[in-house]
Amino acid sequence: MADDPLFDARNHFHLGHYQSAINDAMNANVSGDSVRLERDVLMYRAYIEQGNLAVVQSEINDGSPPALRAVRLLAVYKQSDDAGKQAALASLRDLLAEPSAAGDAQLSITAAALFCYDKDYKEALKCVHQAQSLEQHAMVTYIYICMNRFDLADKQVALMQRMDDDATLTQLSAASTMVAKGPAKAQDALYIYQDMSEKYGPSSLLLNSLATCHMLMGKYDEAEQSLQEALGKNASDPSTLANVVVCMQHMKKAPDVVARYVTQLRTAAPSHPWVESYDAIERSFDRCAAQLSR
């Protein structure tokens, strides 16, 4: 769109084409402080999604605008231990307490994302509950999905459709809500992800979404095909590895093959929700086995 210099960068970011988002952001002809800030937030968040956390932490400093400092805190959080995570959250709350925070849309979105990583969905919702932009509505939708409030997620999607039904973010939010509800709407979501892949090219994010739809419909061969393509793009992507493990378990693949991917996932993302859940189950099993062996 000619009147929106960040349209392509924003679109690529939402689709999971993070390098393209970075390139578009750097090449965008922007003017005005607010647009420059949005560009920088978008670019650095794309670096975070790529796992390039050091770039973000080295280039954003204490003198940067609050929205960018929130992005740096997101990077810090993602590579910290529990104490570091809590320190990042405390710093984020200090940022949100500043007088200018209430009207800072970029800060609100990044802050909500950080709280979501911490599974503090109530705090995340506080950041964006007065949503005005599509990005803020999309974040509210995601939060409601995480809270299993699909009725409220549907209402947010309806609002987004009234704002811009054809927008990529609206389509993706609608598809995510469909997937969250289970197999009943998986086919409809699949059509959206297929359309996006055909229009813009398959990213790891879109391929994982396609695989999820296929698994919900019991089509594990098709899911595996999408996941292998995703691994070809990024062999250490945690979401892909987690989905590969789930898919292969349903396909009853050899235990040593599944275990190999579990090891890769542990290495790539030791704090991934799937790993944490798996470890909790293993600990519970070990406790039961020890009690029975007495």
C-alpha atoms as a PDB file:
ATOM      1  CA  MET A   1       0.000   0.000   0.000  1.00  0.00           C
ATOM      2  CA  ALA A   2       1.473   3.309  -1.169  1.00  0.00           C
ATOM      3  CA  ASP A   3       0.294   5.273   1.871  1.00  0.00           C
ATOM      4  CA  ASP A   4       1.718   2.788   4.380  1.00  0.00           C
ATOM      5  CA  PRO A   5       5.515   2.462   4.130  1.00  0.00           C
ATOM      6  CA  LEU A   6       5.519  -0.400   6.641  1.00  0.00           C
ATOM      7  CA  PHE A   7       2.761  -2.471   5.039  1.00  0.00           C
ATOM      8  CA  ASP A   8       5.084  -5.076   3.505  1.00  0.00           C
ATOM      9  CA  ALA A   9       7.311  -5.302   6.594  1.00  0.00           C
ATOM     10  CA  ARG A  10       4.318  -5.708   8.874  1.00  0.00           C
ATOM     11  CA  ASN A  11       2.707  -8.277   6.576  1.00  0.00           C
ATOM     12  CA  HIS A  12       5.870 -10.369   6.383  1.00  0.00           C
ATOM     13  CA  PHE A  13       6.284 -10.252  10.151  1.00  0.00           C
ATOM     14  CA  HIS A  14       2.774 -11.564  10.781  1.00  0.00           C
ATOM     15  CA  LEU A  15       3.297 -14.337   8.213  1.00  0.00           C
ATOM     16  CA  GLY A  16       6.539 -15.474   9.825  1.00  0.00           C
ATOM     17  CA  HIS A  17       8.821 -14.259   7.015  1.00  0.00           C
ATOM     18  CA  TYR A  18      11.111 -12.557   9.494  1.00  0.00           C
ATOM     19  CA  GLN A  19      14.130 -11.853   7.285  1.00  0.00           C
ATOM     20  CA  SER A  20      11.876 -10.288   4.672  1.00  0.00           C
ATOM     21  CA  ALA A  21      10.286  -8.186   7.419  1.00  0.00           C
ATOM     22  CA  ILE A  22      13.732  -6.981   8.508  1.00  0.00           C
ATOM     23  CA  ASN A  23      14.772  -6.170   4.950  1.00  0.00           C
ATOM     24  CA  ASP A  24      11.534  -4.312   4.233  1.00  0.00           C
ATOM     25  CA  ALA A  25      11.767  -2.379   7.481  1.00  0.00           C
ATOM     26  CA  MET A  26      15.346  -1.280   6.816  1.00  0.00           C
ATOM     27  CA  ASN A  27      14.487  -0.210   3.264  1.00  0.00           C
ATOM     28  CA  ALA A  28      11.211   1.518   4.133  1.00  0.00           C
ATOM     29  CA  ASN A  29      11.025   5.227   3.361  1.00  0.00           C
ATOM     30  CA  VAL A  30       9.656   6.444   6.675  1.00  0.00           C
ATOM     31  CA  SER A  31       9.136   9.926   8.042  1.00  0.00           C
ATOM     32  CA  GLY A  32       7.927  11.025  11.449  1.00  0.00           C
ATOM     33  CA  ASP A  33       8.997   9.769  14.873  1.00  0.00           C
ATOM     34  CA  SER A  34       5.983   7.487  15.407  1.00  0.00           C
ATOM     35  CA  VAL A  35       6.499   5.644  12.106  1.00  0.00           C
ATOM     36  CA  ARG A  36      10.235   5.315  12.730  1.00  0.00           C
ATOM     37  CA  LEU A  37       9.477   3.869  16.153  1.00  0.00           C
ATOM     38  CA  GLU A  38       7.037   1.341  14.719  1.00  0.00           C
ATOM     39  CA  ARG A  39       9.606   0.380  12.095  1.00  0.00           C
ATOM     40  CA  ASP A  40      12.284  -0.198  14.716  1.00  0.00           C
ATOM     41  CA  VAL A  41       9.972  -2.168  17.007  1.00  0.00           C
ATOM     42  CA  LEU A  42       8.924  -4.330  14.071  1.00  0.00           C
ATOM     43  CA  MET A  43      12.505  -4.911  12.941  1.00  0.00           C
ATOM     44  CA  TYR A  44      13.832  -5.805  16.388  1.00  0.00           C
ATOM     45  CA  ARG A  45      10.905  -8.098  17.144  1.00  0.00           C
ATOM     46  CA  ALA A  46      11.673  -9.906  13.882  1.00  0.00           C
ATOM     47  CA  TYR A  47      15.273 -10.324  15.074  1.00  0.00           C
ATOM     48  CA  ILE A  48      13.937 -11.838  18.296  1.00  0.00           C
ATOM     49  CA  GLU A  49      11.782 -14.305  16.356  1.00  0.00           C
ATOM     50  CA  GLN A  50      14.915 -15.332  14.455  1.00  0.00           C
ATOM     51  CA  GLY A  51      16.708 -15.908  17.730  1.00  0.00           C
ATOM     52  CA  ASN A  52      19.126 -12.998  17.170  1.00  0.00           C
ATOM     53  CA  LEU A  53      18.773 -11.720  20.726  1.00  0.00           C
ATOM     54  CA  ALA A  54      22.260 -10.247  20.975  1.00  0.00           C
ATOM     55  CA  VAL A  55      21.542  -7.775  18.160  1.00  0.00           C
ATOM     56  CA  VAL A  56      18.515  -6.469  20.021  1.00  0.00           C
ATOM     57  CA  GLN A  57      20.264  -6.137  23.357  1.00  0.00           C
ATOM     58  CA  SER A  58      23.346  -4.428  21.910  1.00  0.00           C
ATOM     59  CA  GLU A  59      21.496  -1.870  19.774  1.00  0.00           C
ATOM     60  CA  ILE A  60      18.736  -0.809  22.186  1.00  0.00           C
ATOM     61  CA  ASN A  61      19.938   1.145  25.217  1.00  0.00           C
ATOM     62  CA  ASP A  62      18.534   2.899  28.266  1.00  0.00           C
ATOM     63  CA  GLY A  63      18.072   6.083  26.284  1.00  0.00           C
ATOM     64  CA  SER A  64      15.835   4.428  23.693  1.00  0.00           C
ATOM     65  CA  PRO A  65      12.064   5.070  23.660  1.00  0.00           C
ATOM     66  CA  PRO A  66      10.007   2.952  26.110  1.00  0.00           C
ATOM     67  CA  ALA A  67       8.574   0.756  23.337  1.00  0.00           C
ATOM     68  CA  LEU A  68      12.073  -0.243  22.230  1.00  0.00           C
ATOM     69  CA  ARG A  69      13.200  -0.818  25.803  1.00  0.00           C
ATOM     70  CA  ALA A  70      10.254  -3.206  26.127  1.00  0.00           C
ATOM     71  CA  VAL A  71      11.524  -5.078  23.067  1.00  0.00           C
ATOM     72  CA  ARG A  72      14.949  -5.348  24.699  1.00  0.00           C
ATOM     73  CA  LEU A  73      13.301  -6.717  27.856  1.00  0.00           C
ATOM     74  CA  LEU A  74      11.558  -9.302  25.701  1.00  0.00           C
ATOM     75  CA  ALA A  75      14.932 -10.407  24.356  1.00  0.00           C
ATOM     76  CA  VAL A  76      16.400 -10.485  27.872  1.00  0.00           C
ATOM     77  CA  TYR A  77      13.465 -12.525  29.142  1.00  0.00           C
ATOM     78  CA  LYS A  78      13.812 -15.120  26.386  1.00  0.00           C
ATOM     79  CA  GLN A  79      17.408 -15.973  27.258  1.00  0.00           C
ATOM     80  CA  SER A  80      17.336 -15.584  31.056  1.00  0.00           C
ATOM     81  CA  ASP A  81      16.970 -17.973  33.960  1.00  0.00           C
ATOM     82  CA  ASP A  82      14.042 -17.594  36.359  1.00  0.00           C
ATOM     83  CA  ALA A  83      15.689 -14.755  38.290  1.00  0.00           C
ATOM     84  CA  GLY A  84      16.486 -12.906  35.074  1.00  0.00           C
ATOM     85  CA  LYS A  85      12.946 -13.368  33.819  1.00  0.00           C
ATOM     86  CA  GLN A  86      11.521 -11.895  36.997  1.00  0.00           C
ATOM     87  CA  ALA A  87      13.916  -8.952  36.765  1.00  0.00           C
ATOM     88  CA  ALA A  88      12.809  -8.323  33.174  1.00  0.00           C
ATOM     89  CA  LEU A  89       9.170  -8.393  34.214  1.00  0.00           C
ATOM     90  CA  ALA A  90       9.841  -5.961  37.064  1.00  0.00           C
ATOM     91  CA  SER A  91      11.533  -3.584  34.634  1.00  0.00           C
ATOM     92  CA  LEU A  92       8.604  -3.921  32.255  1.00  0.00           C
ATOM     93  CA  ARG A  93       6.162  -2.974  35.010  1.00  0.00           C
ATOM     94  CA  ASP A  94       8.283   0.106  35.698  1.00  0.00           C
ATOM     95  CA  LEU A  95       8.033   1.053  32.026  1.00  0.00           C
ATOM     96  CA  LEU A  96       4.271   0.601  32.050  1.00  0.00           C
ATOM     97  CA  ALA A  97       4.011   2.847  35.098  1.00  0.00           C
ATOM     98  CA  GLU A  98       5.523   5.784  33.232  1.00  0.00           C
ATOM     99  CA  PRO A  99       2.998   8.544  32.359  1.00  0.00           C
ATOM    100  CA  SER A 100       3.450   8.126  28.592  1.00  0.00           C
ATOM    101  CA  ALA A 101       2.761   4.380  28.626  1.00  0.00           C
ATOM    102  CA  ALA A 102      -1.027   4.617  28.425  1.00  0.00           C
ATOM    103  CA  GLY A 103      -1.042   5.970  24.874  1.00  0.00           C
ATOM    104  CA  ASP A 104       1.898   3.961  23.503  1.00  0.00           C
ATOM    105  CA  ALA A 105       0.447   1.323  21.170  1.00  0.00           C
ATOM    106  CA  GLN A 106       3.827  -0.250  20.356  1.00  0.00           C
ATOM    107  CA  LEU A 107       4.692  -0.576  24.035  1.00  0.00           C
ATOM    108  CA  SER A 108       1.310  -2.135  24.801  1.00  0.00           C
ATOM    109  CA  ILE A 109       1.706  -4.860  22.163  1.00  0.00           C
ATOM    110  CA  THR A 110       5.260  -5.788  23.170  1.00  0.00           C
ATOM    111  CA  ALA A 111       4.385  -5.740  26.874  1.00  0.00           C
ATOM    112  CA  ALA A 112       1.405  -7.997  26.249  1.00  0.00           C
ATOM    113  CA  ALA A 113       3.613 -10.403  24.292  1.00  0.00           C
ATOM    114  CA  LEU A 114       6.119 -10.560  27.153  1.00  0.00           C
ATOM    115  CA  PHE A 115       3.404 -11.245  29.733  1.00  0.00           C
ATOM    116  CA  CYS A 116       2.046 -13.967  27.445  1.00  0.00           C
ATOM    117  CA  TYR A 117       5.457 -15.657  27.427  1.00  0.00           C
ATOM    118  CA  ASP A 118       5.201 -15.635  31.220  1.00  0.00           C
ATOM    119  CA  LYS A 119       1.643 -17.045  30.964  1.00  0.00           C
ATOM    120  CA  ASP A 120       0.321 -14.048  32.871  1.00  0.00           C
ATOM    121  CA  TYR A 121      -2.642 -13.517  30.588  1.00  0.00           C
ATOM    122  CA  LYS A 122      -4.504 -11.166  32.914  1.00  0.00           C
ATOM    123  CA  GLU A 123      -1.581  -8.729  32.905  1.00  0.00           C
ATOM    124  CA  ALA A 124      -1.234  -9.145  29.150  1.00  0.00           C
ATOM    125  CA  LEU A 125      -4.883  -8.280  28.677  1.00  0.00           C
ATOM    126  CA  LYS A 126      -4.522  -5.138  30.793  1.00  0.00           C
ATOM    127  CA  CYS A 127      -1.956  -3.871  28.283  1.00  0.00           C
ATOM    128  CA  VAL A 128      -4.210  -4.119  25.221  1.00  0.00           C
ATOM    129  CA  HIS A 129      -7.792  -4.325  26.486  1.00  0.00           C
ATOM    130  CA  GLN A 130      -8.553  -0.895  25.013  1.00  0.00           C
ATOM    131  CA  ALA A 131      -7.505  -2.083  21.576  1.00  0.00           C
ATOM    132  CA  GLN A 132      -7.744   0.296  18.651  1.00  0.00           C
ATOM    133  CA  SER A 133      -5.384  -1.065  15.981  1.00  0.00           C
ATOM    134  CA  LEU A 134      -5.594  -4.428  14.202  1.00  0.00           C
ATOM    135  CA  GLU A 135      -2.366  -5.457  15.913  1.00  0.00           C
ATOM    136  CA  GLN A 136      -3.817  -4.772  19.339  1.00  0.00           C
ATOM    137  CA  HIS A 137      -7.047  -6.619  18.519  1.00  0.00           C
ATOM    138  CA  ALA A 138      -5.001  -9.559  17.253  1.00  0.00           C
ATOM    139  CA  MET A 139      -3.090  -9.651  20.529  1.00  0.00           C
ATOM    140  CA  VAL A 140      -6.349  -9.573  22.493  1.00  0.00           C
ATOM    141  CA  THR A 141      -7.607 -12.457  20.335  1.00  0.00           C
ATOM    142  CA  TYR A 142      -4.465 -14.467  21.058  1.00  0.00           C
ATOM    143  CA  ILE A 143      -4.780 -13.812  24.797  1.00  0.00           C
ATOM    144  CA  TYR A 144      -8.396 -14.991  24.826  1.00  0.00           C
ATOM    145  CA  ILE A 145      -7.377 -18.147  22.965  1.00  0.00           C
ATOM    146  CA  CYS A 146      -4.702 -18.806  25.603  1.00  0.00           C
ATOM    147  CA  MET A 147      -7.366 -18.322  28.283  1.00  0.00           C
ATOM    148  CA  ASN A 148      -9.731 -20.743  26.476  1.00  0.00           C
ATOM    149  CA  ARG A 149     -12.256 -17.936  26.061  1.00  0.00           C
ATOM    150  CA  PHE A 150     -13.106 -18.727  22.469  1.00  0.00           C
ATOM    151  CA  ASP A 151     -16.375 -16.813  22.685  1.00  0.00           C
ATOM    152  CA  LEU A 152     -14.463 -13.619  23.410  1.00  0.00           C
ATOM    153  CA  ALA A 153     -11.857 -14.439  20.766  1.00  0.00           C
ATOM    154  CA  ASP A 154     -14.686 -14.728  18.211  1.00  0.00           C
ATOM    155  CA  LYS A 155     -15.901 -11.257  19.163  1.00  0.00           C
ATOM    156  CA  GLN A 156     -12.436  -9.806  18.630  1.00  0.00           C
ATOM    157  CA  VAL A 157     -12.191 -11.463  15.222  1.00  0.00           C
ATOM    158  CA  ALA A 158     -15.580 -10.007  14.304  1.00  0.00           C
ATOM    159  CA  LEU A 159     -14.298  -6.548  15.251  1.00  0.00           C
ATOM    160  CA  MET A 160     -11.219  -7.065  13.106  1.00  0.00           C
ATOM    161  CA  GLN A 161     -13.344  -8.209  10.182  1.00  0.00           C
ATOM    162  CA  ARG A 162     -15.345  -5.000  10.400  1.00  0.00           C
ATOM    163  CA  MET A 163     -12.107  -2.998  10.436  1.00  0.00           C
ATOM    164  CA  ASP A 164     -10.448  -4.840   7.520  1.00  0.00           C
ATOM    165  CA  ASP A 165     -11.766  -8.262   6.567  1.00  0.00           C
ATOM    166  CA  ASP A 166      -9.078  -8.859   3.937  1.00  0.00           C
ATOM    167  CA  ALA A 167      -6.104  -7.972   6.135  1.00  0.00           C
ATOM    168  CA  THR A 168      -3.570 -10.743   6.640  1.00  0.00           C
ATOM    169  CA  LEU A 169      -3.712 -10.297  10.397  1.00  0.00           C
ATOM    170  CA  THR A 170      -7.508 -10.598  10.401  1.00  0.00           C
ATOM    171  CA  GLN A 171      -7.354 -13.810   8.391  1.00  0.00           C
ATOM    172  CA  LEU A 172      -4.657 -15.295  10.595  1.00  0.00           C
ATOM    173  CA  SER A 173      -6.517 -14.382  13.788  1.00  0.00           C
ATOM    174  CA  ALA A 174      -9.669 -16.013  12.434  1.00  0.00           C
ATOM    175  CA  ALA A 175      -7.728 -19.165  11.524  1.00  0.00           C
ATOM    176  CA  SER A 176      -6.037 -19.325  14.939  1.00  0.00           C
ATOM    177  CA  THR A 177      -9.421 -19.130  16.641  1.00  0.00           C
ATOM    178  CA  MET A 178     -10.744 -21.926  14.438  1.00  0.00           C
ATOM    179  CA  VAL A 179      -7.764 -24.151  15.226  1.00  0.00           C
ATOM    180  CA  ALA A 180      -8.116 -23.524  18.954  1.00  0.00           C
ATOM    181  CA  LYS A 181     -11.655 -24.905  18.870  1.00  0.00           C
ATOM    182  CA  GLY A 182     -10.484 -28.288  17.619  1.00  0.00           C
ATOM    183  CA  PRO A 183     -11.260 -30.485  14.596  1.00  0.00           C
ATOM    184  CA  ALA A 184     -14.646 -28.978  13.711  1.00  0.00           C
ATOM    185  CA  LYS A 185     -13.204 -25.868  12.049  1.00  0.00           C
ATOM    186  CA  ALA A 186      -9.789 -27.242  11.101  1.00  0.00           C
ATOM    187  CA  GLN A 187     -10.641 -27.505   7.410  1.00  0.00           C
ATOM    188  CA  ASP A 188     -11.722 -23.854   7.256  1.00  0.00           C
ATOM    189  CA  ALA A 189      -8.488 -22.791   8.949  1.00  0.00           C
ATOM    190  CA  LEU A 190      -6.514 -24.972   6.551  1.00  0.00           C
ATOM    191  CA  TYR A 191      -7.943 -23.092   3.571  1.00  0.00           C
ATOM    192  CA  ILE A 192      -6.775 -19.787   5.056  1.00  0.00           C
ATOM    193  CA  TYR A 193      -3.240 -21.041   5.710  1.00  0.00           C
ATOM    194  CA  GLN A 194      -3.048 -22.602   2.249  1.00  0.00           C
ATOM    195  CA  ASP A 195      -4.176 -19.346   0.667  1.00  0.00           C
ATOM    196  CA  MET A 196      -1.578 -17.376   2.615  1.00  0.00           C
ATOM    197  CA  SER A 197       1.159 -19.846   1.663  1.00  0.00           C
ATOM    198  CA  GLU A 198       0.252 -19.609  -2.010  1.00  0.00           C
ATOM    199  CA  LYS A 199       0.140 -15.800  -1.951  1.00  0.00           C
ATOM    200  CA  TYR A 200       3.239 -15.076   0.095  1.00  0.00           C
ATOM    201  CA  GLY A 201       5.220 -18.308   0.224  1.00  0.00           C
ATOM    202  CA  PRO A 202       5.345 -20.905   3.011  1.00  0.00           C
ATOM    203  CA  SER A 203       7.108 -19.792   6.176  1.00  0.00           C
ATOM    204  CA  SER A 204       7.879 -22.038   9.141  1.00  0.00           C
ATOM    205  CA  LEU A 205       4.947 -20.423  10.931  1.00  0.00           C
ATOM    206  CA  LEU A 206       2.503 -21.158   8.096  1.00  0.00           C
ATOM    207  CA  LEU A 207       3.833 -24.686   7.593  1.00  0.00           C
ATOM    208  CA  ASN A 208       3.391 -25.434  11.296  1.00  0.00           C
ATOM    209  CA  SER A 209      -0.134 -24.036  11.121  1.00  0.00           C
ATOM    210  CA  LEU A 210      -0.889 -26.276   8.138  1.00  0.00           C
ATOM    211  CA  ALA A 211       0.521 -29.264  10.004  1.00  0.00           C
ATOM    212  CA  THR A 212      -1.627 -28.492  13.046  1.00  0.00           C
ATOM    213  CA  CYS A 213      -4.757 -28.426  10.893  1.00  0.00           C
ATOM    214  CA  HIS A 214      -3.820 -31.725   9.262  1.00  0.00           C
ATOM    215  CA  MET A 215      -3.214 -33.342  12.659  1.00  0.00           C
ATOM    216  CA  LEU A 216      -6.561 -32.110  13.955  1.00  0.00           C
ATOM    217  CA  MET A 217      -8.160 -33.840  10.988  1.00  0.00           C
ATOM    218  CA  GLY A 218      -6.151 -37.025  11.574  1.00  0.00           C
ATOM    219  CA  LYS A 219      -4.091 -36.566   8.399  1.00  0.00           C
ATOM    220  CA  TYR A 220      -0.686 -37.254   9.856  1.00  0.00           C
ATOM    221  CA  ASP A 221       1.075 -38.052   6.587  1.00  0.00           C
ATOM    222  CA  GLU A 222       0.159 -34.603   5.260  1.00  0.00           C
ATOM    223  CA  ALA A 223       1.186 -33.049   8.570  1.00  0.00           C
ATOM    224  CA  GLU A 224       4.571 -34.759   8.443  1.00  0.00           C
ATOM    225  CA  GLN A 225       5.133 -33.461   4.921  1.00  0.00           C
ATOM    226  CA  SER A 226       4.520 -29.864   6.033  1.00  0.00           C
ATOM    227  CA  LEU A 227       6.734 -30.315   9.084  1.00  0.00           C
ATOM    228  CA  GLN A 228       9.619 -31.759   7.079  1.00  0.00           C
ATOM    229  CA  GLU A 229       9.414 -28.723   4.810  1.00  0.00           C
ATOM    230  CA  ALA A 230       9.457 -26.504   7.905  1.00  0.00           C
ATOM    231  CA  LEU A 231      12.541 -28.333   9.225  1.00  0.00           C
ATOM    232  CA  GLY A 232      14.203 -27.635   5.887  1.00  0.00           C
ATOM    233  CA  LYS A 233      13.747 -23.921   6.560  1.00  0.00           C
ATOM    234  CA  ASN A 234      14.880 -24.048  10.184  1.00  0.00           C
ATOM    235  CA  ALA A 235      15.986 -27.351  11.678  1.00  0.00           C
ATOM    236  CA  SER A 236      16.121 -25.946  15.223  1.00  0.00           C
ATOM    237  CA  ASP A 237      12.757 -24.158  15.335  1.00  0.00           C
ATOM    238  CA  PRO A 238      11.140 -25.194  18.650  1.00  0.00           C
ATOM    239  CA  SER A 239       7.536 -25.094  17.389  1.00  0.00           C
ATOM    240  CA  THR A 240       8.423 -27.324  14.443  1.00  0.00           C
ATOM    241  CA  LEU A 241      10.317 -29.803  16.616  1.00  0.00           C
ATOM    242  CA  ALA A 242       7.454 -29.990  19.122  1.00  0.00           C
ATOM    243  CA  ASN A 243       4.942 -30.618  16.344  1.00  0.00           C
ATOM    244  CA  VAL A 244       7.216 -33.243  14.778  1.00  0.00           C
ATOM    245  CA  VAL A 245       7.337 -35.133  18.091  1.00  0.00           C
ATOM    246  CA  VAL A 246       3.549 -35.051  18.453  1.00  0.00           C
ATOM    247  CA  CYS A 247       3.003 -36.060  14.832  1.00  0.00           C
ATOM    248  CA  MET A 248       5.462 -38.956  14.982  1.00  0.00           C
ATOM    249  CA  GLN A 249       3.947 -40.236  18.208  1.00  0.00           C
ATOM    250  CA  HIS A 250       0.551 -40.375  16.510  1.00  0.00           C
ATOM    251  CA  MET A 251       2.145 -42.139  13.532  1.00  0.00           C
ATOM    252  CA  LYS A 252       3.741 -44.629  15.955  1.00  0.00           C
ATOM    253  CA  LYS A 253       7.243 -43.995  14.650  1.00  0.00           C
ATOM    254  CA  ALA A 254      10.173 -45.849  16.211  1.00  0.00           C
ATOM    255  CA  PRO A 255      10.837 -44.661  19.791  1.00  0.00           C
ATOM    256  CA  ASP A 256      14.486 -43.860  19.023  1.00  0.00           C
ATOM    257  CA  VAL A 257      13.433 -41.574  16.149  1.00  0.00           C
ATOM    258  CA  VAL A 258      10.975 -39.728  18.392  1.00  0.00           C
ATOM    259  CA  ALA A 259      13.567 -39.509  21.176  1.00  0.00           C
ATOM    260  CA  ARG A 260      16.027 -37.898  18.755  1.00  0.00           C
ATOM    261  CA  TYR A 261      13.621 -35.043  18.071  1.00  0.00           C
ATOM    262  CA  VAL A 262      12.843 -34.706  21.776  1.00  0.00           C
ATOM    263  CA  THR A 263      16.577 -34.276  22.426  1.00  0.00           C
ATOM    264  CA  GLN A 264      16.795 -31.653  19.686  1.00  0.00           C
ATOM    265  CA  LEU A 265      13.850 -29.798  21.205  1.00  0.00           C
ATOM    266  CA  ARG A 266      15.372 -29.891  24.696  1.00  0.00           C
ATOM    267  CA  THR A 267      18.587 -28.451  23.288  1.00  0.00           C
ATOM    268  CA  ALA A 268      16.928 -25.747  21.191  1.00  0.00           C
ATOM    269  CA  ALA A 269      14.358 -24.664  23.786  1.00  0.00           C
ATOM    270  CA  PRO A 270      14.715 -26.224  27.251  1.00  0.00           C
ATOM    271  CA  SER A 271      11.897 -24.034  28.610  1.00  0.00           C
ATOM    272  CA  HIS A 272       9.459 -24.761  25.785  1.00  0.00           C
ATOM    273  CA  PRO A 273       5.949 -25.531  27.144  1.00  0.00           C
ATOM    274  CA  TRP A 274       6.000 -28.998  25.561  1.00  0.00           C
ATOM    275  CA  VAL A 275       9.327 -29.806  27.232  1.00  0.00           C
ATOM    276  CA  GLU A 276       8.120 -28.518  30.591  1.00  0.00           C
ATOM    277  CA  SER A 277       4.938 -30.598  30.330  1.00  0.00           C
ATOM    278  CA  TYR A 278       6.903 -33.677  29.242  1.00  0.00           C
ATOM    279  CA  ASP A 279       9.356 -33.285  32.122  1.00  0.00           C
ATOM    280  CA  ALA A 280       6.495 -32.882  34.607  1.00  0.00           C
ATOM    281  CA  ILE A 281       4.915 -36.117  33.367  1.00  0.00           C
ATOM    282  CA  GLU A 282       8.266 -37.920  33.590  1.00  0.00           C
ATOM    283  CA  ARG A 283       8.765 -36.725  37.176  1.00  0.00           C
ATOM    284  CA  SER A 284       5.260 -37.849  38.093  1.00  0.00           C
ATOM    285  CA  PHE A 285       5.895 -41.264  36.519  1.00  0.00           C
ATOM    286  CA  ASP A 286       9.183 -41.642  38.379  1.00  0.00           C
ATOM    287  CA  ARG A 287       7.502 -40.798  41.708  1.00  0.00           C
ATOM    288  CA  CYS A 288       4.781 -43.382  41.097  1.00  0.00           C
ATOM    289  CA  ALA A 289       7.331 -46.003  40.057  1.00  0.00           C
ATOM    290  CA  ALA A 290       9.385 -45.350  43.207  1.00  0.00           C
ATOM    291  CA  GLN A 291       6.305 -45.711  45.420  1.00  0.00           C
ATOM    292  CA  LEU A 292       5.291 -48.969  43.756  1.00  0.00           C
ATOM    293  CA  SER A 293       8.797 -50.409  44.082  1.00  0.00           C
ATOM    294  CA  ARG A 294       8.823 -50.026  47.879  1.00  0.00           C
END
